[in-house]
C-alpha cells in the first residue's frame, strides 16, 4: 500500500533520505489530492496560524535549509537538549496564549480554499478535532494529535469522513 508523509512542526528535518529508507512519498505542504473524485487540500495546518507570530518565526526557522544543516551538525546530545527545551517552552506558552491566537486564522483558510479550488480541507496542528462549516459548502476537518498509545485518524469512504481512534496499551495519557 502506498504511504505518503506530510511533515509537521516536530518532524521538519525529515527528508529524502528518510523517505527512501521508509519507502514513503514526501508530500509538499499543502497538497491538493483527489479523494472520492473530489479535490481536497491536505495540510499540516500551521501555516494558517498567522495570528501566532512567535510560532510563525519558529516555523520559518525550522524550515530554513541553512538552519537545519547547522542543527544537524550539533552533537546528538545537544540536539536532544535543544528539542526538549523547545517542547517545554511550547507547553508553557500554549497554556498562556489565548485559543484564537494558536488556532487557524479564518482569512488565511479562506484564501487556501480559493487558491487551491477545493471545498474540503483536512489538516492537523491545532489539535482541536472538529468538522468546521466554513460557509459556501466548504468544510474544514481537523485531525487529532497523536499521543503515546492514543492515535487518531480520519477514515474517508464514499465521500464520508469519520474520525477514528486506536488506543494501544490501556488508557491514553
N, C-alpha and C. Protein backbone atom coordinates (compact mmCIF):
# COMPACT_ATOMS: atom_id res chain seq x y z
N UNK A 1 0.85 -1.16 0.00
CA UNK A 1 0.00 0.00 0.00
C UNK A 1 0.90 1.24 0.00
N UNK A 2 0.65 2.17 -0.88
CA UNK A 2 1.47 3.39 -0.90
C UNK A 2 1.22 4.22 0.36
N UNK A 3 2.28 4.78 0.91
CA UNK A 3 2.19 5.62 2.10
C UNK A 3 2.81 6.98 1.78
N UNK A 4 2.09 8.02 2.14
CA UNK A 4 2.59 9.39 1.95
C UNK A 4 2.82 10.01 3.32
N UNK A 5 3.77 10.93 3.38
CA UNK A 5 4.17 11.55 4.64
C UNK A 5 4.17 13.06 4.46
N UNK A 6 3.41 13.75 5.29
CA UNK A 6 3.37 15.21 5.26
C UNK A 6 4.01 15.70 6.56
N UNK A 7 5.10 16.41 6.43
CA UNK A 7 5.85 16.85 7.62
C UNK A 7 5.06 17.84 8.46
N UNK A 8 5.35 17.80 9.76
CA UNK A 8 4.73 18.73 10.69
C UNK A 8 5.79 19.51 11.44
N UNK A 9 5.40 20.14 12.53
CA UNK A 9 6.33 21.01 13.24
C UNK A 9 7.34 20.23 14.09
N UNK A 10 7.13 18.95 14.31
CA UNK A 10 8.11 18.18 15.09
C UNK A 10 8.96 17.26 14.23
N UNK A 11 8.65 17.15 12.96
CA UNK A 11 9.45 16.30 12.08
C UNK A 11 9.91 17.06 10.84
N UNK A 12 10.23 18.31 11.04
CA UNK A 12 10.60 19.19 9.93
C UNK A 12 11.90 18.81 9.26
N UNK A 13 12.76 18.04 9.93
CA UNK A 13 14.04 17.64 9.34
C UNK A 13 13.94 16.35 8.52
N UNK A 14 12.77 15.73 8.50
CA UNK A 14 12.59 14.53 7.69
C UNK A 14 12.76 14.92 6.23
N UNK A 15 13.59 14.14 5.55
CA UNK A 15 13.86 14.47 4.15
C UNK A 15 13.89 13.25 3.25
N UNK A 16 14.52 13.43 2.10
CA UNK A 16 14.55 12.40 1.06
C UNK A 16 15.21 11.12 1.54
N UNK A 17 16.25 11.23 2.35
CA UNK A 17 16.93 10.03 2.84
C UNK A 17 15.97 9.15 3.67
N UNK A 18 15.22 9.79 4.56
CA UNK A 18 14.23 9.06 5.35
C UNK A 18 13.18 8.45 4.43
N UNK A 19 12.69 9.24 3.47
CA UNK A 19 11.63 8.76 2.57
C UNK A 19 12.08 7.51 1.82
N UNK A 20 13.31 7.51 1.31
CA UNK A 20 13.82 6.33 0.61
C UNK A 20 13.90 5.13 1.56
N UNK A 21 14.46 5.35 2.75
CA UNK A 21 14.62 4.24 3.71
C UNK A 21 13.28 3.67 4.16
N UNK A 22 12.29 4.54 4.33
CA UNK A 22 10.97 4.10 4.81
C UNK A 22 10.03 3.70 3.68
N UNK A 23 10.40 4.02 2.44
CA UNK A 23 9.54 3.69 1.32
C UNK A 23 8.28 4.52 1.27
N UNK A 24 8.38 5.80 1.67
CA UNK A 24 7.22 6.69 1.66
C UNK A 24 7.45 7.84 0.68
N UNK A 25 6.37 8.45 0.28
CA UNK A 25 6.43 9.64 -0.56
C UNK A 25 6.28 10.87 0.33
N UNK A 26 7.22 11.80 0.25
CA UNK A 26 7.09 13.06 0.99
C UNK A 26 6.17 13.98 0.22
N UNK A 27 5.18 14.52 0.91
CA UNK A 27 4.24 15.44 0.28
C UNK A 27 4.62 16.88 0.58
N UNK A 28 4.45 17.76 -0.39
CA UNK A 28 4.61 19.18 -0.09
C UNK A 28 3.43 19.64 0.74
N UNK A 29 3.59 20.74 1.44
CA UNK A 29 2.52 21.28 2.28
C UNK A 29 2.17 22.67 1.78
N UNK A 30 0.93 22.87 1.35
CA UNK A 30 -0.20 21.94 1.28
C UNK A 30 -0.12 21.09 0.00
N UNK A 31 -0.95 20.06 -0.04
CA UNK A 31 -1.01 19.17 -1.21
C UNK A 31 -2.46 18.95 -1.59
N UNK A 32 -2.79 19.26 -2.84
CA UNK A 32 -4.14 19.02 -3.36
C UNK A 32 -4.18 17.60 -3.89
N UNK A 33 -5.18 16.84 -3.44
CA UNK A 33 -5.35 15.45 -3.85
C UNK A 33 -6.80 15.23 -4.26
N UNK A 34 -7.05 14.11 -4.91
CA UNK A 34 -8.41 13.68 -5.22
C UNK A 34 -8.81 12.65 -4.18
N UNK A 35 -9.95 12.85 -3.56
CA UNK A 35 -10.48 11.92 -2.57
C UNK A 35 -11.92 11.63 -2.95
N UNK A 36 -12.19 10.40 -3.31
CA UNK A 36 -13.52 10.02 -3.79
C UNK A 36 -13.97 10.91 -4.95
N UNK A 37 -13.02 11.23 -5.83
CA UNK A 37 -13.33 12.02 -7.01
C UNK A 37 -13.48 13.51 -6.77
N UNK A 38 -13.24 13.96 -5.55
CA UNK A 38 -13.37 15.38 -5.21
C UNK A 38 -12.00 15.95 -4.82
N UNK A 39 -11.70 17.18 -5.23
CA UNK A 39 -10.43 17.78 -4.82
C UNK A 39 -10.45 18.16 -3.33
N UNK A 40 -9.39 17.78 -2.64
CA UNK A 40 -9.25 18.03 -1.20
C UNK A 40 -7.85 18.58 -0.97
N UNK A 41 -7.74 19.51 -0.06
CA UNK A 41 -6.43 20.06 0.28
C UNK A 41 -5.98 19.46 1.61
N UNK A 42 -4.79 18.82 1.60
CA UNK A 42 -4.19 18.28 2.81
C UNK A 42 -3.09 19.24 3.26
N UNK A 43 -3.04 19.48 4.55
CA UNK A 43 -2.00 20.37 5.08
C UNK A 43 -1.72 20.03 6.54
N UNK A 44 -0.52 20.35 6.96
CA UNK A 44 -0.24 20.26 8.39
C UNK A 44 -1.11 21.28 9.11
N UNK A 45 -1.29 22.46 8.53
CA UNK A 45 -2.19 23.47 9.08
C UNK A 45 -1.51 24.61 9.79
N UNK A 46 -0.24 24.46 10.15
CA UNK A 46 0.41 25.50 10.94
C UNK A 46 0.64 26.80 10.17
N UNK A 47 0.72 26.73 8.85
CA UNK A 47 0.93 27.95 8.05
C UNK A 47 -0.25 28.90 8.16
N UNK A 48 -1.41 28.38 8.54
CA UNK A 48 -2.62 29.21 8.65
C UNK A 48 -2.82 29.79 10.05
N UNK A 49 -1.92 29.48 10.97
CA UNK A 49 -1.99 30.06 12.32
C UNK A 49 -1.23 31.38 12.32
N UNK A 50 -1.65 32.27 11.46
CA UNK A 50 -0.91 33.51 11.20
C UNK A 50 -0.98 34.52 12.34
N UNK A 51 -1.93 34.37 13.25
CA UNK A 51 -2.02 35.29 14.39
C UNK A 51 -0.96 34.97 15.45
N UNK A 52 -0.41 33.77 15.40
CA UNK A 52 0.62 33.35 16.35
C UNK A 52 1.99 33.70 15.76
N UNK A 53 2.37 34.94 15.92
CA UNK A 53 3.61 35.46 15.31
C UNK A 53 4.85 34.71 15.81
N UNK A 54 4.88 34.40 17.10
CA UNK A 54 6.02 33.67 17.65
C UNK A 54 6.19 32.32 17.00
N UNK A 55 5.07 31.61 16.80
CA UNK A 55 5.15 30.30 16.14
C UNK A 55 5.58 30.45 14.68
N UNK A 56 5.09 31.49 14.01
CA UNK A 56 5.46 31.67 12.60
C UNK A 56 6.96 31.92 12.44
N UNK A 57 7.59 32.60 13.40
CA UNK A 57 9.04 32.77 13.37
C UNK A 57 9.71 31.40 13.54
N UNK A 58 9.24 30.61 14.51
CA UNK A 58 9.75 29.26 14.72
C UNK A 58 9.59 28.44 13.45
N UNK A 59 8.42 28.52 12.81
CA UNK A 59 8.15 27.76 11.59
C UNK A 59 9.13 28.13 10.49
N UNK A 60 9.35 29.42 10.31
CA UNK A 60 10.28 29.88 9.28
C UNK A 60 11.69 29.33 9.56
N UNK A 61 12.11 29.42 10.80
CA UNK A 61 13.45 28.98 11.18
C UNK A 61 13.62 27.47 10.97
N UNK A 62 12.63 26.68 11.36
CA UNK A 62 12.76 25.23 11.25
C UNK A 62 12.65 24.74 9.82
N UNK A 63 12.16 25.54 8.92
CA UNK A 63 12.08 25.14 7.52
C UNK A 63 13.18 25.78 6.68
N UNK A 64 14.10 26.46 7.34
CA UNK A 64 15.22 27.10 6.67
C UNK A 64 16.33 26.05 6.50
N UNK A 65 16.76 25.81 5.26
CA UNK A 65 17.76 24.76 4.99
C UNK A 65 19.08 25.01 5.71
N UNK A 66 19.51 26.26 5.77
CA UNK A 66 20.78 26.57 6.44
C UNK A 66 20.68 26.26 7.93
N UNK A 67 19.58 26.67 8.55
CA UNK A 67 19.40 26.39 9.98
C UNK A 67 19.32 24.89 10.23
N UNK A 68 18.65 24.15 9.35
CA UNK A 68 18.54 22.71 9.51
C UNK A 68 19.90 22.03 9.39
N UNK A 69 20.70 22.46 8.40
CA UNK A 69 22.04 21.88 8.23
C UNK A 69 22.91 22.18 9.45
N UNK A 70 22.80 23.39 9.97
CA UNK A 70 23.57 23.77 11.16
C UNK A 70 23.15 22.90 12.35
N UNK A 71 21.85 22.75 12.54
CA UNK A 71 21.34 21.97 13.66
C UNK A 71 21.84 20.52 13.60
N UNK A 72 21.84 19.93 12.41
CA UNK A 72 22.25 18.53 12.26
C UNK A 72 23.75 18.33 12.50
N UNK A 73 24.52 19.40 12.47
CA UNK A 73 25.96 19.29 12.75
C UNK A 73 26.26 19.30 14.25
N UNK A 74 25.29 19.67 15.05
CA UNK A 74 25.49 19.68 16.50
C UNK A 74 25.55 18.25 17.03
N UNK A 75 26.24 18.03 18.14
CA UNK A 75 26.23 16.69 18.74
C UNK A 75 24.81 16.27 19.09
N UNK A 76 24.53 14.99 18.96
CA UNK A 76 23.19 14.46 19.21
C UNK A 76 22.67 14.85 20.59
N UNK A 77 23.52 14.79 21.60
CA UNK A 77 23.12 15.15 22.97
C UNK A 77 22.63 16.60 23.01
N UNK A 78 23.29 17.49 22.31
CA UNK A 78 22.88 18.90 22.28
C UNK A 78 21.53 19.04 21.58
N UNK A 79 21.36 18.32 20.46
CA UNK A 79 20.10 18.40 19.72
C UNK A 79 18.94 17.93 20.58
N UNK A 80 19.14 16.84 21.30
CA UNK A 80 18.08 16.35 22.20
C UNK A 80 17.76 17.40 23.27
N UNK A 81 18.78 18.01 23.82
CA UNK A 81 18.57 19.04 24.84
C UNK A 81 17.82 20.24 24.30
N UNK A 82 18.19 20.70 23.12
CA UNK A 82 17.51 21.83 22.49
C UNK A 82 16.05 21.48 22.23
N UNK A 83 15.82 20.28 21.67
CA UNK A 83 14.44 19.86 21.38
C UNK A 83 13.60 19.79 22.64
N UNK A 84 14.16 19.25 23.72
CA UNK A 84 13.40 19.15 24.97
C UNK A 84 13.09 20.54 25.53
N UNK A 85 14.04 21.46 25.47
CA UNK A 85 13.77 22.83 25.95
C UNK A 85 12.70 23.51 25.10
N UNK A 86 12.73 23.29 23.80
CA UNK A 86 11.70 23.88 22.93
C UNK A 86 10.32 23.30 23.24
N UNK A 87 10.24 21.98 23.47
CA UNK A 87 8.95 21.36 23.81
C UNK A 87 8.42 21.90 25.13
N UNK A 88 9.31 22.04 26.12
CA UNK A 88 8.88 22.56 27.43
C UNK A 88 8.40 24.00 27.29
N UNK A 89 9.12 24.80 26.53
CA UNK A 89 8.71 26.21 26.33
C UNK A 89 7.37 26.27 25.61
N UNK A 90 7.16 25.38 24.65
CA UNK A 90 5.91 25.34 23.90
C UNK A 90 4.75 24.98 24.82
N UNK A 91 4.94 23.99 25.70
CA UNK A 91 3.88 23.61 26.64
C UNK A 91 3.52 24.77 27.56
N UNK A 92 4.54 25.46 28.09
CA UNK A 92 4.28 26.60 28.97
C UNK A 92 3.55 27.71 28.21
N UNK A 93 4.00 28.00 27.01
CA UNK A 93 3.45 29.09 26.22
C UNK A 93 2.01 28.80 25.80
N UNK A 94 1.74 27.57 25.35
CA UNK A 94 0.40 27.24 24.86
C UNK A 94 -0.65 27.33 25.96
N UNK A 95 -0.27 27.17 27.19
CA UNK A 95 -1.21 27.32 28.29
C UNK A 95 -1.56 28.76 28.59
N UNK A 96 -0.73 29.70 28.11
CA UNK A 96 -0.95 31.10 28.45
C UNK A 96 -1.40 31.95 27.26
N UNK A 97 -1.37 31.40 26.05
CA UNK A 97 -1.76 32.16 24.86
C UNK A 97 -3.25 31.92 24.60
N UNK A 98 -4.01 32.99 24.31
CA UNK A 98 -5.45 32.82 24.04
C UNK A 98 -5.69 31.84 22.88
N UNK A 99 -6.72 31.01 23.00
CA UNK A 99 -7.02 29.98 21.99
C UNK A 99 -7.09 30.52 20.57
N UNK A 100 -7.75 31.65 20.31
CA UNK A 100 -7.83 32.11 18.92
C UNK A 100 -6.46 32.36 18.28
N UNK A 101 -5.48 32.72 19.08
CA UNK A 101 -4.16 33.01 18.52
C UNK A 101 -3.47 31.75 18.04
N UNK A 102 -3.63 30.63 18.75
CA UNK A 102 -2.96 29.40 18.36
C UNK A 102 -3.82 28.53 17.43
N UNK A 103 -4.96 29.05 17.01
CA UNK A 103 -5.80 28.35 16.04
C UNK A 103 -5.58 28.97 14.67
N UNK A 104 -6.17 28.37 13.64
CA UNK A 104 -6.02 28.92 12.30
C UNK A 104 -6.72 30.26 12.18
N UNK A 105 -6.19 31.09 11.31
CA UNK A 105 -6.79 32.38 11.00
C UNK A 105 -7.83 32.13 9.90
N UNK A 106 -9.05 32.56 10.12
CA UNK A 106 -10.15 32.28 9.17
C UNK A 106 -9.87 32.85 7.78
N UNK A 107 -9.26 34.04 7.71
CA UNK A 107 -8.96 34.65 6.40
C UNK A 107 -7.89 33.84 5.67
N UNK A 108 -6.90 33.33 6.40
CA UNK A 108 -5.86 32.51 5.78
C UNK A 108 -6.46 31.22 5.22
N UNK A 109 -7.38 30.62 5.95
CA UNK A 109 -8.05 29.40 5.48
C UNK A 109 -8.90 29.71 4.26
N UNK A 110 -9.63 30.82 4.28
CA UNK A 110 -10.47 31.20 3.13
C UNK A 110 -9.61 31.38 1.88
N UNK A 111 -8.42 31.99 2.05
CA UNK A 111 -7.50 32.14 0.90
C UNK A 111 -7.07 30.77 0.38
N UNK A 112 -6.81 29.82 1.27
CA UNK A 112 -6.39 28.48 0.85
C UNK A 112 -7.49 27.79 0.06
N UNK A 113 -8.74 27.89 0.52
CA UNK A 113 -9.86 27.31 -0.22
C UNK A 113 -9.90 27.88 -1.63
N UNK A 114 -9.81 29.21 -1.74
CA UNK A 114 -9.91 29.87 -3.04
C UNK A 114 -8.70 29.56 -3.93
N UNK A 115 -7.51 29.66 -3.37
CA UNK A 115 -6.28 29.46 -4.14
C UNK A 115 -6.18 28.05 -4.72
N UNK A 116 -6.64 27.06 -3.98
CA UNK A 116 -6.49 25.67 -4.42
C UNK A 116 -7.77 25.09 -5.03
N UNK A 117 -8.84 25.87 -5.05
CA UNK A 117 -10.08 25.44 -5.70
C UNK A 117 -10.67 24.18 -5.11
N UNK A 118 -10.75 24.13 -3.77
CA UNK A 118 -11.30 22.96 -3.09
C UNK A 118 -12.47 23.37 -2.22
N UNK A 119 -13.28 22.37 -1.87
CA UNK A 119 -14.39 22.61 -0.96
C UNK A 119 -14.16 21.90 0.37
N UNK A 120 -13.02 21.17 0.46
CA UNK A 120 -12.71 20.47 1.71
C UNK A 120 -11.21 20.57 1.98
N UNK A 121 -10.90 20.88 3.23
CA UNK A 121 -9.51 20.92 3.70
C UNK A 121 -9.41 19.99 4.90
N UNK A 122 -8.33 19.20 4.91
CA UNK A 122 -8.05 18.32 6.05
C UNK A 122 -6.69 18.74 6.59
N UNK A 123 -6.64 19.04 7.89
CA UNK A 123 -5.37 19.47 8.49
C UNK A 123 -5.30 19.06 9.94
N UNK A 124 -4.11 19.22 10.49
CA UNK A 124 -3.87 18.95 11.90
C UNK A 124 -3.33 20.20 12.56
N UNK A 125 -2.30 20.07 13.33
CA UNK A 125 -1.55 21.08 14.05
C UNK A 125 -2.28 21.68 15.25
N UNK A 126 -3.52 22.11 15.09
CA UNK A 126 -4.20 22.80 16.19
C UNK A 126 -4.67 21.84 17.28
N UNK A 127 -4.74 20.56 16.97
CA UNK A 127 -5.14 19.51 17.93
C UNK A 127 -6.52 19.76 18.53
N UNK A 128 -7.39 20.32 17.72
CA UNK A 128 -8.78 20.53 18.13
C UNK A 128 -9.67 19.84 17.10
N UNK A 129 -9.77 18.51 17.19
CA UNK A 129 -10.52 17.77 16.18
C UNK A 129 -11.96 18.25 16.08
N UNK A 130 -12.35 18.55 14.85
CA UNK A 130 -13.70 19.02 14.61
C UNK A 130 -13.96 19.04 13.12
N UNK A 131 -15.22 19.20 12.77
CA UNK A 131 -15.65 19.37 11.39
C UNK A 131 -16.25 20.77 11.33
N UNK A 132 -15.52 21.69 10.71
CA UNK A 132 -15.94 23.09 10.66
C UNK A 132 -16.66 23.41 9.36
N UNK A 133 -17.82 24.03 9.46
CA UNK A 133 -18.54 24.54 8.30
C UNK A 133 -18.00 25.93 8.03
N UNK A 134 -17.30 26.09 6.91
CA UNK A 134 -16.68 27.37 6.57
C UNK A 134 -17.56 28.20 5.64
N UNK A 135 -18.80 27.77 5.41
CA UNK A 135 -19.73 28.51 4.56
C UNK A 135 -19.53 28.18 3.08
N UNK A 136 -20.58 28.37 2.31
CA UNK A 136 -20.50 28.14 0.87
C UNK A 136 -20.22 26.70 0.49
N UNK A 137 -20.61 25.75 1.35
CA UNK A 137 -20.38 24.35 1.08
C UNK A 137 -18.96 23.88 1.37
N UNK A 138 -18.17 24.74 2.00
CA UNK A 138 -16.77 24.39 2.31
C UNK A 138 -16.68 23.83 3.73
N UNK A 139 -15.89 22.76 3.87
CA UNK A 139 -15.71 22.12 5.16
C UNK A 139 -14.22 21.99 5.45
N UNK A 140 -13.90 22.18 6.73
CA UNK A 140 -12.51 22.04 7.21
C UNK A 140 -12.52 21.00 8.31
N UNK A 141 -11.81 19.89 8.07
CA UNK A 141 -11.75 18.79 9.04
C UNK A 141 -10.39 18.83 9.73
N UNK A 142 -10.43 18.87 11.06
CA UNK A 142 -9.21 18.96 11.85
C UNK A 142 -8.94 17.60 12.50
N UNK A 143 -7.71 17.13 12.29
CA UNK A 143 -7.29 15.84 12.84
C UNK A 143 -6.85 15.98 14.29
N UNK A 144 -6.99 14.92 15.07
CA UNK A 144 -6.49 14.95 16.45
C UNK A 144 -4.97 14.76 16.47
N UNK A 145 -4.37 15.11 17.59
CA UNK A 145 -2.94 14.85 17.73
C UNK A 145 -2.74 13.39 18.11
N UNK A 146 -1.50 12.94 18.00
CA UNK A 146 -1.14 11.58 18.40
C UNK A 146 -0.38 11.66 19.69
N UNK A 147 -0.76 10.80 20.62
CA UNK A 147 -0.06 10.70 21.90
C UNK A 147 0.35 9.24 22.09
N UNK A 148 1.36 8.99 22.88
CA UNK A 148 1.76 7.60 23.10
C UNK A 148 0.57 6.73 23.49
N UNK A 149 0.29 5.71 22.69
CA UNK A 149 -0.80 4.80 22.97
C UNK A 149 -2.17 5.25 22.50
N UNK A 150 -2.29 6.47 21.97
CA UNK A 150 -3.60 7.00 21.57
C UNK A 150 -3.44 7.73 20.23
N UNK A 151 -3.96 7.12 19.17
CA UNK A 151 -3.76 7.65 17.83
C UNK A 151 -5.10 7.92 17.17
N UNK A 152 -5.25 9.10 16.61
CA UNK A 152 -6.47 9.44 15.90
C UNK A 152 -6.19 9.58 14.42
N UNK A 153 -7.18 9.27 13.60
CA UNK A 153 -7.03 9.41 12.16
C UNK A 153 -8.40 9.64 11.55
N UNK A 154 -8.40 9.94 10.27
CA UNK A 154 -9.63 10.19 9.55
C UNK A 154 -9.80 9.07 8.53
N UNK A 155 -10.94 8.42 8.53
CA UNK A 155 -11.24 7.37 7.56
C UNK A 155 -12.28 7.92 6.61
N UNK A 156 -11.92 8.00 5.33
CA UNK A 156 -12.83 8.55 4.32
C UNK A 156 -13.20 7.47 3.32
N UNK A 157 -14.51 7.34 3.09
CA UNK A 157 -15.01 6.34 2.15
C UNK A 157 -16.34 6.81 1.61
N UNK A 158 -16.48 6.72 0.31
CA UNK A 158 -17.73 7.11 -0.37
C UNK A 158 -18.15 8.53 -0.01
N UNK A 159 -17.19 9.43 0.06
CA UNK A 159 -17.49 10.83 0.31
C UNK A 159 -17.75 11.20 1.75
N UNK A 160 -17.69 10.23 2.65
CA UNK A 160 -17.93 10.50 4.07
C UNK A 160 -16.65 10.25 4.85
N UNK A 161 -16.25 11.23 5.67
CA UNK A 161 -15.06 11.09 6.50
C UNK A 161 -15.47 11.03 7.97
N UNK A 162 -14.90 10.05 8.67
CA UNK A 162 -15.19 9.89 10.10
C UNK A 162 -13.87 9.78 10.86
N UNK A 163 -13.85 10.38 12.03
CA UNK A 163 -12.68 10.26 12.91
C UNK A 163 -12.69 8.90 13.57
N UNK A 164 -11.50 8.33 13.66
CA UNK A 164 -11.34 7.04 14.34
C UNK A 164 -10.16 7.15 15.29
N UNK A 165 -10.15 6.29 16.30
CA UNK A 165 -9.06 6.27 17.27
C UNK A 165 -8.58 4.86 17.46
N UNK A 166 -7.30 4.76 17.74
CA UNK A 166 -6.70 3.49 18.13
C UNK A 166 -6.02 3.74 19.46
N UNK A 167 -6.38 2.97 20.46
CA UNK A 167 -5.73 3.07 21.77
C UNK A 167 -4.97 1.78 22.00
N UNK A 168 -3.70 1.91 22.29
CA UNK A 168 -2.83 0.76 22.49
C UNK A 168 -2.30 0.78 23.91
N UNK A 169 -2.40 -0.34 24.60
CA UNK A 169 -1.80 -0.45 25.93
C UNK A 169 -2.59 0.21 27.03
N UNK A 170 -3.90 0.16 27.00
CA UNK A 170 -4.70 0.71 28.08
C UNK A 170 -5.10 2.14 27.86
N UNK A 171 -5.35 2.83 28.93
CA UNK A 171 -5.83 4.21 28.86
C UNK A 171 -4.79 5.14 28.26
N UNK A 172 -5.23 6.03 27.33
CA UNK A 172 -4.30 7.01 26.79
C UNK A 172 -3.98 8.04 27.87
N UNK A 173 -2.86 8.69 27.72
CA UNK A 173 -2.46 9.74 28.67
C UNK A 173 -3.37 10.91 28.62
